[in-house]
Amino acid sequence: MAIPASPVSAANAYANVGRLGTGADPSSLAKSPGAATDGPDFSAILKDVMHAVSASGAKADAQTQSVALGKANMVDVVTAVAESETAIATLVSVRDKVIAAYQDILKMPI
């Protein structure tokens, strides 16, 4: 059974994802397709998010190993695992929304 994530860890995960796209200019959304944008491209943001989720999992693994060796507090392990779980759930949710949007675009009449 999964440990429910706290609102604080969920907020931290969303804040981390939100910080990745802060370089984008909101006016760039109105540009024509194919026009160059000044902000980061989607693949760069996706790569950063994947690295952040991977780092969160690595932190949880390191905390788990530390508690097994008696060098860490159990609260730190639970917190790291909850943050990792929230980051993965957020990533899966965003992935599902992107796939749904892509499928909606494919259904549009030409």
N, C-alpha and C. Protein backbone atom coordinates (compact mmCIF):
# COMPACT_ATOMS: atom_id res chain seq x y z
N MET A 1 0.85 -1.18 0.00
CA MET A 1 0.00 0.00 0.00
C MET A 1 0.89 1.24 0.00
N ALA A 2 0.54 2.22 -0.80
CA ALA A 2 1.34 3.43 -0.93
C ALA A 2 1.09 4.37 0.24
N ILE A 3 2.14 5.09 0.61
CA ILE A 3 2.03 6.09 1.67
C ILE A 3 1.43 7.35 1.06
N PRO A 4 0.36 7.90 1.62
CA PRO A 4 -0.21 9.11 1.05
C PRO A 4 0.78 10.27 1.17
N ALA A 5 0.88 11.03 0.10
CA ALA A 5 1.79 12.17 0.07
C ALA A 5 1.16 13.34 0.82
N SER A 6 2.00 14.08 1.51
CA SER A 6 1.49 15.23 2.23
C SER A 6 1.28 16.39 1.27
N PRO A 7 0.44 17.34 1.62
CA PRO A 7 0.24 18.51 0.77
C PRO A 7 1.53 19.29 0.56
N VAL A 8 2.42 19.27 1.55
CA VAL A 8 3.68 20.01 1.42
C VAL A 8 4.56 19.37 0.35
N SER A 9 4.67 18.04 0.35
CA SER A 9 5.51 17.39 -0.66
C SER A 9 4.90 17.53 -2.05
N ALA A 10 3.58 17.52 -2.15
CA ALA A 10 2.93 17.74 -3.44
C ALA A 10 3.20 19.16 -3.94
N ALA A 11 3.10 20.13 -3.05
CA ALA A 11 3.37 21.51 -3.44
C ALA A 11 4.82 21.68 -3.86
N ASN A 12 5.74 21.02 -3.17
CA ASN A 12 7.15 21.10 -3.55
C ASN A 12 7.40 20.49 -4.92
N ALA A 13 6.74 19.38 -5.22
CA ALA A 13 6.90 18.74 -6.53
C ALA A 13 6.37 19.64 -7.63
N TYR A 14 5.20 20.24 -7.43
CA TYR A 14 4.66 21.14 -8.44
C TYR A 14 5.52 22.39 -8.59
N ALA A 15 6.08 22.88 -7.50
CA ALA A 15 6.95 24.05 -7.57
C ALA A 15 8.22 23.73 -8.34
N ASN A 16 8.78 22.53 -8.14
CA ASN A 16 9.98 22.14 -8.87
C ASN A 16 9.71 22.06 -10.36
N VAL A 17 8.57 21.50 -10.74
CA VAL A 17 8.21 21.42 -12.16
C VAL A 17 7.95 22.82 -12.71
N GLY A 18 7.31 23.67 -11.91
CA GLY A 18 7.02 25.03 -12.35
C GLY A 18 8.26 25.87 -12.56
N ARG A 19 9.30 25.64 -11.76
CA ARG A 19 10.54 26.40 -11.91
C ARG A 19 11.27 26.07 -13.19
N LEU A 20 11.03 24.91 -13.76
CA LEU A 20 11.73 24.51 -14.98
C LEU A 20 11.33 25.37 -16.18
N GLY A 21 10.10 25.82 -16.21
CA GLY A 21 9.63 26.58 -17.35
C GLY A 21 9.62 28.08 -17.16
N THR A 22 10.32 28.60 -16.16
CA THR A 22 10.25 30.03 -15.88
C THR A 22 10.94 30.89 -16.92
N GLY A 23 11.75 30.29 -17.78
CA GLY A 23 12.43 31.09 -18.80
C GLY A 23 11.55 31.40 -20.00
N ALA A 24 10.38 30.80 -20.09
CA ALA A 24 9.51 31.01 -21.24
C ALA A 24 8.78 32.34 -21.13
N ASP A 25 8.69 33.03 -22.24
CA ASP A 25 7.99 34.30 -22.31
C ASP A 25 6.52 34.03 -22.66
N PRO A 26 5.55 34.49 -21.85
CA PRO A 26 4.15 34.22 -22.14
C PRO A 26 3.71 34.73 -23.51
N SER A 27 4.34 35.80 -24.03
CA SER A 27 3.96 36.32 -25.34
C SER A 27 4.40 35.39 -26.46
N SER A 28 5.31 34.46 -26.17
CA SER A 28 5.77 33.54 -27.21
C SER A 28 4.67 32.55 -27.61
N LEU A 29 3.64 32.42 -26.78
CA LEU A 29 2.54 31.53 -27.11
C LEU A 29 1.72 32.04 -28.28
N ALA A 30 1.76 33.35 -28.52
CA ALA A 30 0.97 33.94 -29.59
C ALA A 30 1.70 33.93 -30.92
N LYS A 31 2.94 33.50 -30.96
CA LYS A 31 3.71 33.49 -32.20
C LYS A 31 3.19 32.42 -33.14
N SER A 32 3.47 32.60 -34.40
CA SER A 32 3.01 31.66 -35.40
C SER A 32 3.78 30.34 -35.29
N PRO A 33 3.17 29.25 -35.74
CA PRO A 33 3.86 27.96 -35.68
C PRO A 33 5.15 28.00 -36.50
N GLY A 34 6.17 27.38 -35.98
CA GLY A 34 7.44 27.36 -36.68
C GLY A 34 8.33 28.54 -36.36
N ALA A 35 7.79 29.56 -35.68
CA ALA A 35 8.60 30.73 -35.33
C ALA A 35 9.50 30.36 -34.16
N ALA A 36 10.69 30.93 -34.15
CA ALA A 36 11.64 30.65 -33.07
C ALA A 36 11.15 31.29 -31.77
N THR A 37 11.34 30.59 -30.68
CA THR A 37 10.97 31.13 -29.37
C THR A 37 12.23 31.37 -28.56
N ASP A 38 12.12 32.27 -27.60
CA ASP A 38 13.26 32.57 -26.75
C ASP A 38 13.34 31.64 -25.57
N GLY A 39 12.26 30.96 -25.22
CA GLY A 39 12.21 30.09 -24.05
C GLY A 39 12.76 28.71 -24.36
N PRO A 40 12.83 27.87 -23.33
CA PRO A 40 13.33 26.51 -23.54
C PRO A 40 12.34 25.69 -24.36
N ASP A 41 12.87 24.77 -25.14
CA ASP A 41 11.97 23.94 -25.93
C ASP A 41 11.42 22.79 -25.08
N PHE A 42 10.39 22.17 -25.58
CA PHE A 42 9.67 21.14 -24.83
C PHE A 42 10.58 19.98 -24.45
N SER A 43 11.44 19.57 -25.37
CA SER A 43 12.32 18.43 -25.07
C SER A 43 13.30 18.75 -23.95
N ALA A 44 13.77 20.00 -23.85
CA ALA A 44 14.67 20.39 -22.77
C ALA A 44 13.94 20.37 -21.42
N ILE A 45 12.71 20.86 -21.41
CA ILE A 45 11.92 20.84 -20.18
C ILE A 45 11.64 19.40 -19.77
N LEU A 46 11.29 18.56 -20.73
CA LEU A 46 11.01 17.16 -20.44
C LEU A 46 12.25 16.46 -19.89
N LYS A 47 13.41 16.74 -20.47
CA LYS A 47 14.66 16.14 -20.00
C LYS A 47 14.96 16.59 -18.56
N ASP A 48 14.75 17.88 -18.26
CA ASP A 48 14.98 18.38 -16.91
C ASP A 48 14.05 17.73 -15.89
N VAL A 49 12.80 17.56 -16.28
CA VAL A 49 11.82 16.93 -15.37
C VAL A 49 12.20 15.47 -15.13
N MET A 50 12.61 14.77 -16.16
CA MET A 50 13.01 13.38 -16.00
C MET A 50 14.23 13.26 -15.07
N HIS A 51 15.18 14.18 -15.22
CA HIS A 51 16.34 14.16 -14.34
C HIS A 51 15.94 14.47 -12.89
N ALA A 52 15.00 15.40 -12.71
CA ALA A 52 14.54 15.75 -11.36
C ALA A 52 13.84 14.57 -10.70
N VAL A 53 13.02 13.85 -11.45
CA VAL A 53 12.33 12.68 -10.91
C VAL A 53 13.34 11.58 -10.59
N SER A 54 14.31 11.40 -11.47
CA SER A 54 15.35 10.41 -11.24
C SER A 54 16.17 10.75 -10.00
N ALA A 55 16.51 12.03 -9.83
CA ALA A 55 17.27 12.47 -8.65
C ALA A 55 16.45 12.26 -7.38
N SER A 56 15.15 12.48 -7.46
CA SER A 56 14.28 12.27 -6.31
C SER A 56 14.27 10.79 -5.91
N GLY A 57 14.22 9.91 -6.90
CA GLY A 57 14.28 8.47 -6.62
C GLY A 57 15.62 8.06 -6.05
N ALA A 58 16.70 8.64 -6.58
CA ALA A 58 18.03 8.33 -6.06
C ALA A 58 18.19 8.80 -4.62
N LYS A 59 17.60 9.96 -4.30
CA LYS A 59 17.65 10.46 -2.92
C LYS A 59 16.91 9.51 -1.98
N ALA A 60 15.74 9.03 -2.42
CA ALA A 60 14.98 8.08 -1.60
C ALA A 60 15.75 6.79 -1.40
N ASP A 61 16.42 6.31 -2.46
CA ASP A 61 17.23 5.10 -2.34
C ASP A 61 18.39 5.30 -1.37
N ALA A 62 19.04 6.44 -1.47
CA ALA A 62 20.17 6.73 -0.58
C ALA A 62 19.71 6.81 0.88
N GLN A 63 18.56 7.43 1.11
CA GLN A 63 18.03 7.53 2.47
C GLN A 63 17.68 6.13 3.01
N THR A 64 17.13 5.29 2.14
CA THR A 64 16.77 3.93 2.55
C THR A 64 18.02 3.13 2.92
N GLN A 65 19.06 3.27 2.13
CA GLN A 65 20.32 2.58 2.45
C GLN A 65 20.93 3.11 3.74
N SER A 66 20.83 4.41 3.96
CA SER A 66 21.37 5.01 5.18
C SER A 66 20.65 4.50 6.42
N VAL A 67 19.33 4.36 6.33
CA VAL A 67 18.58 3.87 7.50
C VAL A 67 18.90 2.40 7.74
N ALA A 68 19.19 1.65 6.69
CA ALA A 68 19.55 0.24 6.86
C ALA A 68 20.89 0.11 7.57
N LEU A 69 21.77 1.08 7.35
CA LEU A 69 23.07 1.09 8.01
C LEU A 69 23.02 1.76 9.38
N GLY A 70 21.86 2.31 9.74
CA GLY A 70 21.70 2.96 11.03
C GLY A 70 22.23 4.39 11.06
N LYS A 71 22.37 5.00 9.90
CA LYS A 71 22.94 6.35 9.83
C LYS A 71 21.90 7.44 9.57
N ALA A 72 20.65 7.07 9.39
CA ALA A 72 19.63 8.07 9.06
C ALA A 72 18.40 7.86 9.93
N ASN A 73 17.57 8.88 9.95
CA ASN A 73 16.33 8.88 10.70
C ASN A 73 15.21 8.34 9.81
N MET A 74 14.30 7.58 10.36
CA MET A 74 13.20 7.01 9.59
C MET A 74 12.30 8.09 9.00
N VAL A 75 12.16 9.20 9.69
CA VAL A 75 11.33 10.31 9.19
C VAL A 75 11.90 10.85 7.88
N ASP A 76 13.24 10.95 7.79
CA ASP A 76 13.86 11.41 6.56
C ASP A 76 13.61 10.45 5.41
N VAL A 77 13.61 9.16 5.69
CA VAL A 77 13.34 8.16 4.66
C VAL A 77 11.90 8.27 4.17
N VAL A 78 10.97 8.38 5.09
CA VAL A 78 9.56 8.48 4.71
C VAL A 78 9.32 9.75 3.90
N THR A 79 9.95 10.84 4.29
CA THR A 79 9.81 12.10 3.56
C THR A 79 10.38 11.97 2.15
N ALA A 80 11.56 11.39 2.01
CA ALA A 80 12.18 11.23 0.70
C ALA A 80 11.35 10.32 -0.21
N VAL A 81 10.83 9.24 0.35
CA VAL A 81 10.01 8.32 -0.44
C VAL A 81 8.70 9.01 -0.86
N ALA A 82 8.10 9.77 0.03
CA ALA A 82 6.85 10.48 -0.30
C ALA A 82 7.09 11.52 -1.38
N GLU A 83 8.21 12.24 -1.30
CA GLU A 83 8.53 13.23 -2.34
C GLU A 83 8.75 12.55 -3.68
N SER A 84 9.44 11.42 -3.67
CA SER A 84 9.68 10.68 -4.90
C SER A 84 8.36 10.16 -5.49
N GLU A 85 7.51 9.65 -4.63
CA GLU A 85 6.22 9.14 -5.08
C GLU A 85 5.36 10.27 -5.68
N THR A 86 5.39 11.43 -5.06
CA THR A 86 4.63 12.57 -5.57
C THR A 86 5.18 13.04 -6.91
N ALA A 87 6.50 13.07 -7.04
CA ALA A 87 7.11 13.48 -8.30
C ALA A 87 6.74 12.53 -9.43
N ILE A 88 6.74 11.23 -9.14
CA ILE A 88 6.38 10.25 -10.17
C ILE A 88 4.90 10.37 -10.52
N ALA A 89 4.04 10.55 -9.53
CA ALA A 89 2.61 10.71 -9.79
C ALA A 89 2.35 11.96 -10.63
N THR A 90 3.07 13.04 -10.34
CA THR A 90 2.92 14.27 -11.12
C THR A 90 3.36 14.05 -12.55
N LEU A 91 4.49 13.37 -12.74
CA LEU A 91 5.00 13.10 -14.08
C LEU A 91 4.02 12.24 -14.87
N VAL A 92 3.46 11.23 -14.25
CA VAL A 92 2.49 10.37 -14.92
C VAL A 92 1.23 11.15 -15.29
N SER A 93 0.79 12.02 -14.40
CA SER A 93 -0.39 12.84 -14.67
C SER A 93 -0.16 13.78 -15.86
N VAL A 94 0.99 14.41 -15.88
CA VAL A 94 1.31 15.30 -17.01
C VAL A 94 1.42 14.51 -18.30
N ARG A 95 2.04 13.33 -18.24
CA ARG A 95 2.14 12.48 -19.42
C ARG A 95 0.75 12.13 -19.96
N ASP A 96 -0.17 11.76 -19.06
CA ASP A 96 -1.52 11.41 -19.47
C ASP A 96 -2.23 12.59 -20.13
N LYS A 97 -2.02 13.80 -19.60
CA LYS A 97 -2.64 14.99 -20.18
C LYS A 97 -2.07 15.29 -21.56
N VAL A 98 -0.77 15.11 -21.74
CA VAL A 98 -0.14 15.35 -23.04
C VAL A 98 -0.66 14.35 -24.06
N ILE A 99 -0.78 13.09 -23.67
CA ILE A 99 -1.30 12.07 -24.59
C ILE A 99 -2.75 12.37 -24.95
N ALA A 100 -3.55 12.77 -23.97
CA ALA A 100 -4.95 13.10 -24.24
C ALA A 100 -5.06 14.29 -25.18
N ALA A 101 -4.20 15.30 -24.99
CA ALA A 101 -4.22 16.47 -25.88
C ALA A 101 -3.82 16.07 -27.29
N TYR A 102 -2.82 15.22 -27.42
CA TYR A 102 -2.38 14.75 -28.74
C TYR A 102 -3.50 13.98 -29.43
N GLN A 103 -4.20 13.12 -28.69
CA GLN A 103 -5.30 12.37 -29.26
C GLN A 103 -6.44 13.30 -29.68
N ASP A 104 -6.70 14.35 -28.91
CA ASP A 104 -7.73 15.33 -29.28
C ASP A 104 -7.35 16.04 -30.58
N ILE A 105 -6.07 16.37 -30.72
CA ILE A 105 -5.62 17.03 -31.95
C ILE A 105 -5.79 16.10 -33.14
N LEU A 106 -5.50 14.82 -32.97
CA LEU A 106 -5.66 13.87 -34.06
C LEU A 106 -7.11 13.70 -34.47
N LYS A 107 -8.04 13.91 -33.55
CA LYS A 107 -9.47 13.75 -33.84
C LYS A 107 -10.06 14.97 -34.54
N MET A 108 -9.33 16.08 -34.57
CA MET A 108 -9.86 17.30 -35.18
C MET A 108 -10.02 17.14 -36.68
N PRO A 109 -11.13 17.65 -37.23
CA PRO A 109 -11.30 17.58 -38.69
C PRO A 109 -10.34 18.56 -39.40
N ILE A 110 -9.94 18.16 -40.56
CA ILE A 110 -9.00 19.00 -41.32
C ILE A 110 -9.76 19.99 -42.17
